[in-house]
């Protein structure tokens, strides 16, 4: 795991990002995972968080919640301990329903990941 003092919030510069790679910064007993970068928008200001998936060598899982904690954003995932030794996380962000019609022509956009 790497050390990061602030999560790179990809969504601030690319709101259409639907896939990216990230490193695991921290995993705790409560099932919280901090990544060094994220395109998952956190719950806040009345907007619900993004959902999607995390995938790593040997497994994958759904993102069930995203929260901001100061400069670091945290994904909540019940089986987070499985990520503790992962070198690279590949992610996919689902479109929230109200964005589907707005972004439909460009929803194939990719950033950061492959």
PDB file of N, CA and C in Angstrom:
ATOM      1  N   UNK A   1       0.841  -1.184   0.000  1.00  0.00           N
ATOM      2  CA  UNK A   1       0.000   0.000   0.000  1.00  0.00           C
ATOM      3  C   UNK A   1       0.877   1.234   0.000  1.00  0.00           C
ATOM      4  N   UNK A   2       0.411   2.249  -0.698  1.00  0.00           N
ATOM      5  CA  UNK A   2       1.154   3.498  -0.765  1.00  0.00           C
ATOM      6  C   UNK A   2       0.622   4.478   0.274  1.00  0.00           C
ATOM      7  N   UNK A   3       1.330   5.567   0.456  1.00  0.00           N
ATOM      8  CA  UNK A   3       0.903   6.613   1.389  1.00  0.00           C
ATOM      9  C   UNK A   3       0.420   7.788   0.565  1.00  0.00           C
ATOM     10  N   UNK A   4      -0.737   8.310   0.904  1.00  0.00           N
ATOM     11  CA  UNK A   4      -1.281   9.459   0.191  1.00  0.00           C
ATOM     12  C   UNK A   4      -1.916  10.391   1.215  1.00  0.00           C
ATOM     13  N   UNK A   5      -1.741  11.683   1.012  1.00  0.00           N
ATOM     14  CA  UNK A   5      -2.339  12.644   1.930  1.00  0.00           C
ATOM     15  C   UNK A   5      -3.624  13.219   1.349  1.00  0.00           C
ATOM     16  N   UNK A   6      -3.825  13.035   0.042  1.00  0.00           N
ATOM     17  CA  UNK A   6      -5.044  13.523  -0.587  1.00  0.00           C
ATOM     18  C   UNK A   6      -5.392  12.625  -1.766  1.00  0.00           C
ATOM     19  N   UNK A   7      -6.653  12.236  -1.842  1.00  0.00           N
ATOM     20  CA  UNK A   7      -7.120  11.426  -2.950  1.00  0.00           C
ATOM     21  C   UNK A   7      -7.189  12.279  -4.212  1.00  0.00           C
ATOM     22  N   UNK A   8      -6.665  11.779  -5.321  1.00  0.00           N
ATOM     23  CA  UNK A   8      -6.799  12.451  -6.612  1.00  0.00           C
ATOM     24  C   UNK A   8      -8.244  12.266  -7.055  1.00  0.00           C
ATOM     25  N   UNK A   9      -9.020  13.326  -7.021  1.00  0.00           N
ATOM     26  CA  UNK A   9     -10.440  13.275  -7.381  1.00  0.00           C
ATOM     27  C   UNK A   9     -10.591  13.501  -8.890  1.00  0.00           C
ATOM     28  N   UNK A  10     -10.536  12.415  -9.626  1.00  0.00           N
ATOM     29  CA  UNK A  10     -10.591  12.451 -11.081  1.00  0.00           C
ATOM     30  C   UNK A  10     -11.863  13.134 -11.571  1.00  0.00           C
ATOM     31  N   UNK A  11     -12.969  12.931 -10.881  1.00  0.00           N
ATOM     32  CA  UNK A  11     -14.253  13.484 -11.331  1.00  0.00           C
ATOM     33  C   UNK A  11     -14.266  15.011 -11.374  1.00  0.00           C
ATOM     34  N   UNK A  12     -13.349  15.666 -10.679  1.00  0.00           N
ATOM     35  CA  UNK A  12     -13.300  17.128 -10.724  1.00  0.00           C
ATOM     36  C   UNK A  12     -12.809  17.647 -12.074  1.00  0.00           C
ATOM     37  N   UNK A  13     -11.994  16.854 -12.768  1.00  0.00           N
ATOM     38  CA  UNK A  13     -11.492  17.286 -14.075  1.00  0.00           C
ATOM     39  C   UNK A  13     -12.106  16.497 -15.232  1.00  0.00           C
ATOM     40  N   UNK A  14     -12.762  15.380 -14.926  1.00  0.00           N
ATOM     41  CA  UNK A  14     -13.391  14.568 -15.964  1.00  0.00           C
ATOM     42  C   UNK A  14     -14.650  13.921 -15.401  1.00  0.00           C
ATOM     43  N   UNK A  15     -15.766  14.626 -15.481  1.00  0.00           N
ATOM     44  CA  UNK A  15     -17.026  14.141 -14.916  1.00  0.00           C
ATOM     45  C   UNK A  15     -17.567  12.914 -15.645  1.00  0.00           C
ATOM     46  N   UNK A  16     -17.030  12.626 -16.819  1.00  0.00           N
ATOM     47  CA  UNK A  16     -17.506  11.479 -17.587  1.00  0.00           C
ATOM     48  C   UNK A  16     -16.638  10.240 -17.415  1.00  0.00           C
ATOM     49  N   UNK A  17     -15.648  10.301 -16.585  1.00  0.00           N
ATOM     50  CA  UNK A  17     -14.754   9.158 -16.375  1.00  0.00           C
ATOM     51  C   UNK A  17     -15.549   7.975 -15.830  1.00  0.00           C
ATOM     52  N   UNK A  18     -15.446   6.849 -16.483  1.00  0.00           N
ATOM     53  CA  UNK A  18     -16.166   5.652 -16.055  1.00  0.00           C
ATOM     54  C   UNK A  18     -15.252   4.485 -15.727  1.00  0.00           C
ATOM     55  N   UNK A  19     -13.943   4.641 -15.952  1.00  0.00           N
ATOM     56  CA  UNK A  19     -13.004   3.565 -15.632  1.00  0.00           C
ATOM     57  C   UNK A  19     -11.651   4.181 -15.318  1.00  0.00           C
ATOM     58  N   UNK A  20     -10.999   3.659 -14.299  1.00  0.00           N
ATOM     59  CA  UNK A  20      -9.682   4.162 -13.937  1.00  0.00           C
ATOM     60  C   UNK A  20      -8.955   3.114 -13.103  1.00  0.00           C
ATOM     61  N   UNK A  21      -7.653   3.227 -13.028  1.00  0.00           N
ATOM     62  CA  UNK A  21      -6.832   2.364 -12.183  1.00  0.00           C
ATOM     63  C   UNK A  21      -6.416   3.151 -10.959  1.00  0.00           C
ATOM     64  N   UNK A  22      -6.285   2.473  -9.834  1.00  0.00           N
ATOM     65  CA  UNK A  22      -5.893   3.145  -8.593  1.00  0.00           C
ATOM     66  C   UNK A  22      -5.112   2.196  -7.713  1.00  0.00           C
ATOM     67  N   UNK A  23      -4.354   2.776  -6.797  1.00  0.00           N
ATOM     68  CA  UNK A  23      -3.636   1.996  -5.806  1.00  0.00           C
ATOM     69  C   UNK A  23      -4.375   2.046  -4.481  1.00  0.00           C
ATOM     70  N   UNK A  24      -4.243   0.981  -3.699  1.00  0.00           N
ATOM     71  CA  UNK A  24      -4.853   0.929  -2.375  1.00  0.00           C
ATOM     72  C   UNK A  24      -3.956   1.658  -1.400  1.00  0.00           C
ATOM     73  N   UNK A  25      -4.519   2.628  -0.688  1.00  0.00           N
ATOM     74  CA  UNK A  25      -3.773   3.403   0.299  1.00  0.00           C
ATOM     75  C   UNK A  25      -3.954   2.813   1.689  1.00  0.00           C
ATOM     76  N   UNK A  26      -5.191   2.459   2.025  1.00  0.00           N
ATOM     77  CA  UNK A  26      -5.480   1.922   3.352  1.00  0.00           C
ATOM     78  C   UNK A  26      -6.747   1.092   3.321  1.00  0.00           C
ATOM     79  N   UNK A  27      -6.797   0.111   4.208  1.00  0.00           N
ATOM     80  CA  UNK A  27      -7.969  -0.723   4.428  1.00  0.00           C
ATOM     81  C   UNK A  27      -8.121  -0.839   5.933  1.00  0.00           C
ATOM     82  N   UNK A  28      -9.364  -0.677   6.428  1.00  0.00           N
ATOM     83  CA  UNK A  28      -9.519  -0.821   7.885  1.00  0.00           C
ATOM     84  C   UNK A  28     -10.561  -1.880   8.234  1.00  0.00           C
ATOM     85  N   UNK A  29     -10.705  -2.126   9.524  1.00  0.00           N
ATOM     86  CA  UNK A  29     -11.598  -3.162  10.031  1.00  0.00           C
ATOM     87  C   UNK A  29     -13.067  -2.875   9.733  1.00  0.00           C
ATOM     88  N   UNK A  30     -13.416  -1.616   9.520  1.00  0.00           N
ATOM     89  CA  UNK A  30     -14.813  -1.241   9.265  1.00  0.00           C
ATOM     90  C   UNK A  30     -15.220  -1.469   7.801  1.00  0.00           C
ATOM     91  N   UNK A  31     -14.290  -1.940   6.973  1.00  0.00           N
ATOM     92  CA  UNK A  31     -14.605  -2.177   5.573  1.00  0.00           C
ATOM     93  C   UNK A  31     -14.421  -0.966   4.694  1.00  0.00           C
ATOM     94  N   UNK A  32     -13.586  -0.029   5.146  1.00  0.00           N
ATOM     95  CA  UNK A  32     -13.313   1.171   4.352  1.00  0.00           C
ATOM     96  C   UNK A  32     -12.023   0.983   3.573  1.00  0.00           C
ATOM     97  N   UNK A  33     -12.053   1.420   2.329  1.00  0.00           N
ATOM     98  CA  UNK A  33     -10.898   1.330   1.439  1.00  0.00           C
ATOM     99  C   UNK A  33     -10.586   2.732   0.941  1.00  0.00           C
ATOM    100  N   UNK A  34      -9.365   3.178   1.140  1.00  0.00           N
ATOM    101  CA  UNK A  34      -8.923   4.464   0.593  1.00  0.00           C
ATOM    102  C   UNK A  34      -8.043   4.163  -0.608  1.00  0.00           C
ATOM    103  N   UNK A  35      -8.359   4.804  -1.733  1.00  0.00           N
ATOM    104  CA  UNK A  35      -7.565   4.659  -2.955  1.00  0.00           C
ATOM    105  C   UNK A  35      -6.787   5.944  -3.197  1.00  0.00           C
ATOM    106  N   UNK A  36      -5.705   5.862  -3.960  1.00  0.00           N
ATOM    107  CA  UNK A  36      -4.931   7.072  -4.240  1.00  0.00           C
ATOM    108  C   UNK A  36      -5.607   7.965  -5.277  1.00  0.00           C
ATOM    109  N   UNK A  37      -6.601   7.416  -5.997  1.00  0.00           N
ATOM    110  CA  UNK A  37      -7.362   8.192  -6.982  1.00  0.00           C
ATOM    111  C   UNK A  37      -8.766   7.632  -7.058  1.00  0.00           C
ATOM    112  N   UNK A  38      -9.727   8.484  -7.406  1.00  0.00           N
ATOM    113  CA  UNK A  38     -11.094   8.004  -7.556  1.00  0.00           C
ATOM    114  C   UNK A  38     -11.894   8.859  -8.535  1.00  0.00           C
ATOM    115  N   UNK A  39     -12.789   8.191  -9.261  1.00  0.00           N
ATOM    116  CA  UNK A  39     -13.782   8.891 -10.068  1.00  0.00           C
ATOM    117  C   UNK A  39     -15.167   8.662  -9.465  1.00  0.00           C
ATOM    118  N   UNK A  40     -15.223   7.954  -8.327  1.00  0.00           N
ATOM    119  CA  UNK A  40     -16.482   7.746  -7.617  1.00  0.00           C
ATOM    120  C   UNK A  40     -16.821   9.014  -6.842  1.00  0.00           C
ATOM    121  N   UNK A  41     -17.938   9.639  -7.190  1.00  0.00           N
ATOM    122  CA  UNK A  41     -18.371  10.844  -6.497  1.00  0.00           C
ATOM    123  C   UNK A  41     -18.937  10.449  -5.144  1.00  0.00           C
ATOM    124  N   UNK A  42     -18.516  11.133  -4.097  1.00  0.00           N
ATOM    125  CA  UNK A  42     -18.979  10.830  -2.741  1.00  0.00           C
ATOM    126  C   UNK A  42     -20.344  11.447  -2.472  1.00  0.00           C
ATOM    127  N   UNK A  43     -21.093  10.835  -1.565  1.00  0.00           N
ATOM    128  CA  UNK A  43     -22.364  11.399  -1.115  1.00  0.00           C
ATOM    129  C   UNK A  43     -22.119  12.783  -0.547  1.00  0.00           C
ATOM    130  N   UNK A  44     -22.966  13.723  -0.908  1.00  0.00           N
ATOM    131  CA  UNK A  44     -22.824  15.066  -0.356  1.00  0.00           C
ATOM    132  C   UNK A  44     -23.712  16.067  -1.061  1.00  0.00           C
ATOM    133  N   UNK A  45     -24.156  17.055  -0.322  1.00  0.00           N
ATOM    134  CA  UNK A  45     -24.968  18.116  -0.895  1.00  0.00           C
ATOM    135  C   UNK A  45     -26.269  17.632  -1.498  1.00  0.00           C
ATOM    136  N   UNK A  46     -26.785  16.528  -0.996  1.00  0.00           N
ATOM    137  CA  UNK A  46     -28.031  15.982  -1.518  1.00  0.00           C
ATOM    138  C   UNK A  46     -27.855  15.036  -2.691  1.00  0.00           C
ATOM    139  N   UNK A  47     -26.644  14.928  -3.202  1.00  0.00           N
ATOM    140  CA  UNK A  47     -26.393  14.009  -4.317  1.00  0.00           C
ATOM    141  C   UNK A  47     -25.953  12.659  -3.778  1.00  0.00           C
ATOM    142  N   UNK A  48     -26.531  11.586  -4.284  1.00  0.00           N
ATOM    143  CA  UNK A  48     -26.099  10.261  -3.842  1.00  0.00           C
ATOM    144  C   UNK A  48     -24.723   9.921  -4.414  1.00  0.00           C
ATOM    145  N   UNK A  49     -24.050   9.012  -3.765  1.00  0.00           N
ATOM    146  CA  UNK A  49     -22.730   8.567  -4.234  1.00  0.00           C
ATOM    147  C   UNK A  49     -22.858   7.723  -5.494  1.00  0.00           C
ATOM    148  N   UNK A  50     -21.753   7.642  -6.226  1.00  0.00           N
ATOM    149  CA  UNK A  50     -21.687   6.757  -7.383  1.00  0.00           C
ATOM    150  C   UNK A  50     -21.583   5.316  -6.904  1.00  0.00           C
ATOM    151  N   UNK A  51     -21.956   4.406  -7.762  1.00  0.00           N
ATOM    152  CA  UNK A  51     -21.757   2.986  -7.516  1.00  0.00           C
ATOM    153  C   UNK A  51     -20.881   2.451  -8.630  1.00  0.00           C
ATOM    154  N   UNK A  52     -20.440   1.222  -8.474  1.00  0.00           N
ATOM    155  CA  UNK A  52     -19.605   0.626  -9.494  1.00  0.00           C
ATOM    156  C   UNK A  52     -18.927  -0.614  -8.960  1.00  0.00           C
ATOM    157  N   UNK A  53     -17.795  -0.946  -9.549  1.00  0.00           N
ATOM    158  CA  UNK A  53     -17.082  -2.150  -9.131  1.00  0.00           C
ATOM    159  C   UNK A  53     -15.589  -1.879  -8.958  1.00  0.00           C
ATOM    160  N   UNK A  54     -15.000  -2.675  -8.107  1.00  0.00           N
ATOM    161  CA  UNK A  54     -13.554  -2.728  -7.938  1.00  0.00           C
ATOM    162  C   UNK A  54     -13.130  -4.117  -8.395  1.00  0.00           C
ATOM    163  N   UNK A  55     -12.050  -4.204  -9.128  1.00  0.00           N
ATOM    164  CA  UNK A  55     -11.541  -5.499  -9.565  1.00  0.00           C
ATOM    165  C   UNK A  55     -10.044  -5.550  -9.345  1.00  0.00           C
ATOM    166  N   UNK A  56      -9.543  -6.688  -8.936  1.00  0.00           N
ATOM    167  CA  UNK A  56      -8.126  -6.887  -8.688  1.00  0.00           C
ATOM    168  C   UNK A  56      -7.818  -8.329  -9.038  1.00  0.00           C
ATOM    169  N   UNK A  57      -6.568  -8.654  -9.114  1.00  0.00           N
ATOM    170  CA  UNK A  57      -6.187 -10.015  -9.438  1.00  0.00           C
ATOM    171  C   UNK A  57      -6.781 -10.960  -8.402  1.00  0.00           C
ATOM    172  N   UNK A  58      -7.651 -11.821  -8.853  1.00  0.00           N
ATOM    173  CA  UNK A  58      -8.259 -12.787  -7.956  1.00  0.00           C
ATOM    174  C   UNK A  58      -9.631 -12.425  -7.434  1.00  0.00           C
ATOM    175  N   UNK A  59     -10.191 -11.281  -7.818  1.00  0.00           N
ATOM    176  CA  UNK A  59     -11.519 -10.962  -7.314  1.00  0.00           C
ATOM    177  C   UNK A  59     -12.091  -9.657  -7.815  1.00  0.00           C
ATOM    178  N   UNK A  60     -13.340  -9.418  -7.455  1.00  0.00           N
ATOM    179  CA  UNK A  60     -14.017  -8.160  -7.755  1.00  0.00           C
ATOM    180  C   UNK A  60     -15.195  -8.012  -6.807  1.00  0.00           C
ATOM    181  N   UNK A  61     -15.684  -6.781  -6.682  1.00  0.00           N
ATOM    182  CA  UNK A  61     -16.809  -6.533  -5.787  1.00  0.00           C
ATOM    183  C   UNK A  61     -17.460  -5.202  -6.121  1.00  0.00           C
ATOM    184  N   UNK A  62     -18.692  -5.041  -5.656  1.00  0.00           N
ATOM    185  CA  UNK A  62     -19.441  -3.803  -5.862  1.00  0.00           C
ATOM    186  C   UNK A  62     -19.058  -2.770  -4.812  1.00  0.00           C
ATOM    187  N   UNK A  63     -19.036  -1.505  -5.214  1.00  0.00           N
ATOM    188  CA  UNK A  63     -18.868  -0.385  -4.288  1.00  0.00           C
ATOM    189  C   UNK A  63     -20.246  -0.093  -3.713  1.00  0.00           C
ATOM    190  N   UNK A  64     -20.373  -0.080  -2.376  1.00  0.00           N
ATOM    191  CA  UNK A  64     -21.682   0.117  -1.755  1.00  0.00           C
ATOM    192  C   UNK A  64     -21.880   1.500  -1.156  1.00  0.00           C
ATOM    193  N   UNK A  65     -20.824   2.274  -0.975  1.00  0.00           N
ATOM    194  CA  UNK A  65     -20.941   3.625  -0.430  1.00  0.00           C
ATOM    195  C   UNK A  65     -19.630   4.360  -0.674  1.00  0.00           C
ATOM    196  N   UNK A  66     -19.705   5.672  -0.828  1.00  0.00           N
ATOM    197  CA  UNK A  66     -18.510   6.501  -1.005  1.00  0.00           C
ATOM    198  C   UNK A  66     -18.689   7.741  -0.141  1.00  0.00           C
ATOM    199  N   UNK A  67     -17.714   8.006   0.714  1.00  0.00           N
ATOM    200  CA  UNK A  67     -17.775   9.158   1.623  1.00  0.00           C
ATOM    201  C   UNK A  67     -16.471   9.928   1.583  1.00  0.00           C
ATOM    202  N   UNK A  68     -16.557  11.231   1.761  1.00  0.00           N
ATOM    203  CA  UNK A  68     -15.370  12.053   1.894  1.00  0.00           C
ATOM    204  C   UNK A  68     -14.992  12.170   3.356  1.00  0.00           C
ATOM    205  N   UNK A  69     -13.727  12.062   3.639  1.00  0.00           N
ATOM    206  CA  UNK A  69     -13.187  12.241   4.986  1.00  0.00           C
ATOM    207  C   UNK A  69     -12.019  13.209   4.876  1.00  0.00           C
ATOM    208  N   UNK A  70     -12.313  14.493   4.914  1.00  0.00           N
ATOM    209  CA  UNK A  70     -11.270  15.486   4.708  1.00  0.00           C
ATOM    210  C   UNK A  70     -10.733  15.371   3.299  1.00  0.00           C
ATOM    211  N   UNK A  71      -9.421  15.347   3.163  1.00  0.00           N
ATOM    212  CA  UNK A  71      -8.833  15.304   1.833  1.00  0.00           C
ATOM    213  C   UNK A  71      -8.833  13.913   1.188  1.00  0.00           C
ATOM    214  N   UNK A  72      -9.262  12.899   1.947  1.00  0.00           N
ATOM    215  CA  UNK A  72      -9.238  11.534   1.426  1.00  0.00           C
ATOM    216  C   UNK A  72     -10.663  11.030   1.276  1.00  0.00           C
ATOM    217  N   UNK A  73     -10.972  10.458   0.117  1.00  0.00           N
ATOM    218  CA  UNK A  73     -12.279   9.842  -0.078  1.00  0.00           C
ATOM    219  C   UNK A  73     -12.162   8.352   0.167  1.00  0.00           C
ATOM    220  N   UNK A  74     -13.206   7.808   0.765  1.00  0.00           N
ATOM    221  CA  UNK A  74     -13.178   6.413   1.185  1.00  0.00           C
ATOM    222  C   UNK A  74     -14.339   5.657   0.564  1.00  0.00           C
ATOM    223  N   UNK A  75     -14.060   4.492   0.032  1.00  0.00           N
ATOM    224  CA  UNK A  75     -15.084   3.606  -0.497  1.00  0.00           C
ATOM    225  C   UNK A  75     -15.428   2.597   0.594  1.00  0.00           C
ATOM    226  N   UNK A  76     -16.702   2.300   0.738  1.00  0.00           N
ATOM    227  CA  UNK A  76     -17.118   1.305   1.716  1.00  0.00           C
ATOM    228  C   UNK A  76     -17.444   0.016   0.986  1.00  0.00           C
ATOM    229  N   UNK A  77     -16.845  -1.034   1.451  1.00  0.00           N
ATOM    230  CA  UNK A  77     -17.034  -2.327   0.835  1.00  0.00           C
ATOM    231  C   UNK A  77     -16.878  -3.374   1.917  1.00  0.00           C
ATOM    232  N   UNK A  78     -17.870  -4.222   2.123  1.00  0.00           N
ATOM    233  CA  UNK A  78     -17.869  -5.150   3.253  1.00  0.00           C
ATOM    234  C   UNK A  78     -16.683  -6.111   3.334  1.00  0.00           C
ATOM    235  N   UNK A  79     -16.075  -6.433   2.228  1.00  0.00           N
ATOM    236  CA  UNK A  79     -14.963  -7.392   2.239  1.00  0.00           C
ATOM    237  C   UNK A  79     -13.641  -6.711   1.916  1.00  0.00           C
ATOM    238  N   UNK A  80     -13.447  -5.535   2.425  1.00  0.00           N
ATOM    239  CA  UNK A  80     -12.285  -4.705   2.102  1.00  0.00           C
ATOM    240  C   UNK A  80     -10.954  -5.379   2.403  1.00  0.00           C
ATOM    241  N   UNK A  81     -10.905  -6.232   3.398  1.00  0.00           N
ATOM    242  CA  UNK A  81      -9.629  -6.864   3.762  1.00  0.00           C
ATOM    243  C   UNK A  81      -8.994  -7.613   2.596  1.00  0.00           C
ATOM    244  N   UNK A  82      -9.807  -8.077   1.658  1.00  0.00           N
ATOM    245  CA  UNK A  82      -9.279  -8.793   0.494  1.00  0.00           C
ATOM    246  C   UNK A  82      -8.399  -7.897  -0.365  1.00  0.00           C
ATOM    247  N   UNK A  83      -8.555  -6.586  -0.230  1.00  0.00           N
ATOM    248  CA  UNK A  83      -7.781  -5.639  -1.037  1.00  0.00           C
ATOM    249  C   UNK A  83      -6.446  -5.260  -0.418  1.00  0.00           C
ATOM    250  N   UNK A  84      -6.208  -5.639   0.814  1.00  0.00           N
ATOM    251  CA  UNK A  84      -5.025  -5.187   1.541  1.00  0.00           C
ATOM    252  C   UNK A  84      -3.719  -5.477   0.794  1.00  0.00           C
ATOM    253  N   UNK A  85      -3.654  -6.567   0.070  1.00  0.00           N
ATOM    254  CA  UNK A  85      -2.425  -6.923  -0.636  1.00  0.00           C
ATOM    255  C   UNK A  85      -2.492  -6.668  -2.138  1.00  0.00           C
ATOM    256  N   UNK A  86      -3.560  -6.041  -2.602  1.00  0.00           N
ATOM    257  CA  UNK A  86      -3.707  -5.782  -4.037  1.00  0.00           C
ATOM    258  C   UNK A  86      -2.765  -4.668  -4.474  1.00  0.00           C
ATOM    259  N   UNK A  87      -2.093  -4.876  -5.590  1.00  0.00           N
ATOM    260  CA  UNK A  87      -1.189  -3.863  -6.133  1.00  0.00           C
ATOM    261  C   UNK A  87      -1.933  -2.836  -6.968  1.00  0.00           C
ATOM    262  N   UNK A  88      -2.915  -3.286  -7.720  1.00  0.00           N
ATOM    263  CA  UNK A  88      -3.629  -2.407  -8.644  1.00  0.00           C
ATOM    264  C   UNK A  88      -5.107  -2.738  -8.609  1.00  0.00           C
ATOM    265  N   UNK A  89      -5.919  -1.705  -8.500  1.00  0.00           N
ATOM    266  CA  UNK A  89      -7.367  -1.874  -8.523  1.00  0.00           C
ATOM    267  C   UNK A  89      -7.876  -1.272  -9.823  1.00  0.00           C
ATOM    268  N   UNK A  90      -8.638  -2.033 -10.569  1.00  0.00           N
ATOM    269  CA  UNK A  90      -9.289  -1.523 -11.772  1.00  0.00           C
ATOM    270  C   UNK A  90     -10.736  -1.259 -11.387  1.00  0.00           C
ATOM    271  N   UNK A  91     -11.225  -0.115 -11.772  1.00  0.00           N
ATOM    272  CA  UNK A  91     -12.562   0.261 -11.332  1.00  0.00           C
ATOM    273  C   UNK A  91     -13.472   0.578 -12.500  1.00  0.00           C
ATOM    274  N   UNK A  92     -14.754   0.462 -12.235  1.00  0.00           N
ATOM    275  CA  UNK A  92     -15.777   0.862 -13.193  1.00  0.00           C
ATOM    276  C   UNK A  92     -16.819   1.626 -12.402  1.00  0.00           C
ATOM    277  N   UNK A  93     -17.152   2.828 -12.874  1.00  0.00           N
ATOM    278  CA  UNK A  93     -18.159   3.661 -12.235  1.00  0.00           C
ATOM    279  C   UNK A  93     -19.450   3.545 -13.028  1.00  0.00           C
ATOM    280  N   UNK A  94     -20.545   3.205 -12.346  1.00  0.00           N
ATOM    281  CA  UNK A  94     -21.849   3.136 -13.005  1.00  0.00           C
ATOM    282  C   UNK A  94     -22.404   4.544 -13.168  1.00  0.00           C
ATOM    283  N   UNK A  95     -23.131   4.764 -14.227  1.00  0.00           N
ATOM    284  CA  UNK A  95     -23.805   6.046 -14.406  1.00  0.00           C
ATOM    285  C   UNK A  95     -25.001   6.108 -13.466  1.00  0.00           C
ATOM    286  N   UNK A  96     -25.154   7.223 -12.759  1.00  0.00           N
ATOM    287  CA  UNK A  96     -26.346   7.387 -11.942  1.00  0.00           C
ATOM    288  C   UNK A  96     -27.488   7.718 -12.881  1.00  0.00           C
ATOM    289  N   UNK A  97     -28.717   7.282 -12.589  1.00  0.00           N
ATOM    290  CA  UNK A  97     -29.820   7.373 -13.555  1.00  0.00           C
ATOM    291  C   UNK A  97     -30.018   8.744 -14.204  1.00  0.00           C
ATOM    292  N   UNK A  98     -29.896   9.832 -13.440  1.00  0.00           N
ATOM    293  CA  UNK A  98     -30.158  11.137 -14.049  1.00  0.00           C
ATOM    294  C   UNK A  98     -29.094  11.542 -15.056  1.00  0.00           C
ATOM    295  N   UNK A  99     -27.923  10.896 -15.036  1.00  0.00           N
ATOM    296  CA  UNK A  99     -26.867  11.212 -15.998  1.00  0.00           C
ATOM    297  C   UNK A  99     -26.981  10.381 -17.272  1.00  0.00           C
ATOM    298  N   UNK A 100     -27.730   9.305 -17.242  1.00  0.00           N
ATOM    299  CA  UNK A 100     -27.781   8.414 -18.393  1.00  0.00           C
ATOM    300  C   UNK A 100     -28.227   9.141 -19.645  1.00  0.00           C
ATOM    301  N   UNK A 101     -29.286   9.933 -19.563  1.00  0.00           N
ATOM    302  CA  UNK A 101     -29.762  10.619 -20.755  1.00  0.00           C
ATOM    303  C   UNK A 101     -28.858  11.781 -21.158  1.00  0.00           C
ATOM    304  N   UNK A 102     -28.223  12.425 -20.186  1.00  0.00           N
ATOM    305  CA  UNK A 102     -27.340  13.549 -20.481  1.00  0.00           C
ATOM    306  C   UNK A 102     -26.060  13.085 -21.163  1.00  0.00           C
ATOM    307  N   UNK A 103     -25.507  11.965 -20.680  1.00  0.00           N
ATOM    308  CA  UNK A 103     -24.211  11.508 -21.174  1.00  0.00           C
ATOM    309  C   UNK A 103     -24.280  10.400 -22.211  1.00  0.00           C
ATOM    310  N   UNK A 104     -25.469   9.977 -22.583  1.00  0.00           N
ATOM    311  CA  UNK A 104     -25.601   8.839 -23.486  1.00  0.00           C
ATOM    312  C   UNK A 104     -24.691   8.906 -24.707  1.00  0.00           C
ATOM    313  N   UNK A 105     -24.552  10.035 -25.403  1.00  0.00           N
ATOM    314  CA  UNK A 105     -23.696  10.065 -26.591  1.00  0.00           C
ATOM    315  C   UNK A 105     -22.209   9.879 -26.276  1.00  0.00           C
ATOM    316  N   UNK A 106     -21.778  10.183 -25.042  1.00  0.00           N
ATOM    317  CA  UNK A 106     -20.353  10.114 -24.731  1.00  0.00           C
ATOM    318  C   UNK A 106     -20.035   9.161 -23.590  1.00  0.00           C
ATOM    319  N   UNK A 107     -20.979   8.294 -23.238  1.00  0.00           N
ATOM    320  CA  UNK A 107     -20.776   7.450 -22.061  1.00  0.00           C
ATOM    321  C   UNK A 107     -19.670   6.412 -22.250  1.00  0.00           C
ATOM    322  N   UNK A 108     -19.114   6.269 -23.426  1.00  0.00           N
ATOM    323  CA  UNK A 108     -18.021   5.349 -23.648  1.00  0.00           C
ATOM    324  C   UNK A 108     -16.668   5.923 -23.246  1.00  0.00           C
ATOM    325  N   UNK A 109     -16.649   7.141 -22.780  1.00  0.00           N
ATOM    326  CA  UNK A 109     -15.407   7.800 -22.398  1.00  0.00           C
ATOM    327  C   UNK A 109     -14.655   7.009 -21.339  1.00  0.00           C
ATOM    328  N   UNK A 110     -13.342   6.947 -21.472  1.00  0.00           N
ATOM    329  CA  UNK A 110     -12.504   6.261 -20.493  1.00  0.00           C
ATOM    330  C   UNK A 110     -11.395   7.206 -20.066  1.00  0.00           C
ATOM    331  N   UNK A 111     -10.915   7.007 -18.873  1.00  0.00           N
ATOM    332  CA  UNK A 111      -9.808   7.827 -18.410  1.00  0.00           C
ATOM    333  C   UNK A 111      -8.903   7.005 -17.522  1.00  0.00           C
ATOM    334  N   UNK A 112      -7.664   7.329 -17.474  1.00  0.00           N
ATOM    335  CA  UNK A 112      -6.735   6.735 -16.541  1.00  0.00           C
ATOM    336  C   UNK A 112      -6.508   5.251 -16.707  1.00  0.00           C
ATOM    337  N   UNK A 113      -7.550   4.459 -16.794  1.00  0.00           N
ATOM    338  CA  UNK A 113      -7.414   3.006 -16.866  1.00  0.00           C
ATOM    339  C   UNK A 113      -7.496   2.498 -18.287  1.00  0.00           C
ATOM    340  N   UNK A 114      -7.323   1.222 -18.386  1.00  0.00           N
ATOM    341  CA  UNK A 114      -7.420   0.616 -19.710  1.00  0.00           C
ATOM    342  C   UNK A 114      -8.429  -0.499 -19.698  1.00  0.00           C
TER     343      UNK A 114
END
